[in-house]
Amino acid sequence: MKMSFVHSDFRVPLFSGRSSYGGSIRSDPESGPPSVSIGGRARPPPRLRVVKYAEKPPICTADELHYVPVSNSDWEVALWRYIPPPNAPRRNRPLLLLSGVGTNAIGYDLSPESSFARYMSGQGFDTWVLEVRGAGLSAEKMDSEENVSVSCELGLSSSREKGSIIYQDMLQYQQGSAEIRTNFFQKFTSFDGEGPYSRIIGLLRDFSKRILNLMQRQSSIPSPLVEFQERIASSLEDFDRQLDVIVKYDWDFDHYLEEDVPAAMDYIRTHCKSKDHKLLAIGHSMGGILLYAMLSRYGSEGKDTGLASVATLGSSLDYTTSRSSLKLLLPLVDPAKALNVPIIPLGALLAAAHPFASRPPYILSWLNAQITAQDTMHPDLFEKLIMKNFGTVPAKLLRQLTTAFREGGLCDRSGTFFYKDHLHKTNVPVLAIAGDQDLICPPEAVYETAKLIPEHLLTFKVFGEPDGPHYAHYDLVGGLMAADQVYHCLINFLNRHDKV
């Protein structure tokens, strides 16, 4: 096993060029790989479809936006594709990026100057970012292609027929703020439900009344508070729209593992036609947990994962021996289950809390440290990350993820398969990366899982220096020094395992 703490100052130029490719995609069904199965269920090769460049909503900054139907579900997952420029090195295998819980593709592409995905494509890797069901631009399956075009123009997500909006331009929110507040107020003050969600709706209704009354009492206030009000209204309106599809947020971690990720991998293999049909994969936070779980599941069944290498950023299957800050949230899980709360509006809550964390008197400033270390992200990019990268999370998903904090670590929904128990059976090289100030997944948590990988296949690194720079949970992806240090390490690892 190669294990090291990295205290270096690499200098690698960030290529931020953008491909102008905008053509349509055609498939060659005769050259695709065989279908892949996990958990005993085989899936046919996915139907290929692409939303053309001109049809992409403004929020999608990738070169192409693809949709992949997921078998046994009503969902199509979204794939953001970044095409290597003509002058980039030629690579043999495509690269798949997986995001954390409740997040979308924006975290990998905050801006042209801070883009993990664009950097990787600039290094020659055909890069694909997956948005699993319910995240970002993933959507319920459509009955007609016409609706696809309309929904993309409107920037819709989740339910393209009903229009659950995850991404929205802040300018649009600010221009319609009065209408937003009125609609939100009327929605909840008139709700009289008696179903399983009545209690959570009631709580949100009471909360909305207090917020709205506070807003309406202000007639002449400083501009910072006006902006704060608009952000509160925006985040609440976002959640308000999602209530139309709330009953469909009924999935867990195993749905991602057994359905969404394999469907996306099949699609990429079929589309890219690499010589050996293998992919390179990088996962941040839950994205890395998914990759670990896949290695374990396939290893236990003696099957080929279809992955040439795996890199994880701030990920673990077992947090029991660490001081992860997520342990503070565990007491909320049982009450949520008792109340039958189906979802946690993570994006709305973070957006509402952001002004309290970023402005005097900084009463919630401790929240910032969960995401980024001090002075490691530009404030505007950090705000964009908070306002646009997070969405709504099914409570069922969180309940399964909390098993990572119990004896034995993360297990499947049946409670009988513990993913860490079979990780030693993998034959895939793994790079496990930790951040020195990662409060969510501390270095000891990362190592708790990494040590289970066969020694000759593992490289374990902790980034951060005593006097800085430091790396919190998201800094491994988008911190100011990530391109100079973390990306350089990843490129070296990918290069070693891109040979066919």
Foldseek 3Di string as FASTA:
>chain_A
DAEEADDDFFDDDFDLDADQDFDFADFDVVLADAFDAFPPDTDGQWDWGWDTQVLAAPVQPANTKTWTDWPPDQKTKIKRKGAADPPADAFQFAEEEEEAFQFALCLQPLDSVFHVQSRVSPNHHGYIYIDFQPYQAMEGDDPDVVLVSVQRHVQFHHHSVLGQHQDDDLVVLLVCVVVLLVVLLCLLVPDDDDDLCVVVSVVVNVVSVVLSVVVVVDDDDDPVVVSLNSLLSVLSSSVVSCVVVLVVQDDAPVCCLRIVVSNVLSNRLRRVVRPVSAHEYEYAEVGLVSVLLLLQRCLVVVHDSSYLAYEYELYFQACQVDQAPCVVVVVVLVVCVVSVPFKDFQLSVLSNCVCCCPDPPNPPVVVVLLAWDPPFDDPVSVNCCSNRTGGMHTSNHVVQQCQSNPPLGRADPVPPGRSLVRSCSGPHAYEYEYWCSARRRHLVRSVVSQVSHPPVRYHYYYYFDPVDDTGYRSCCSGTNSNVRPNVVVVVVVCVVRRDD
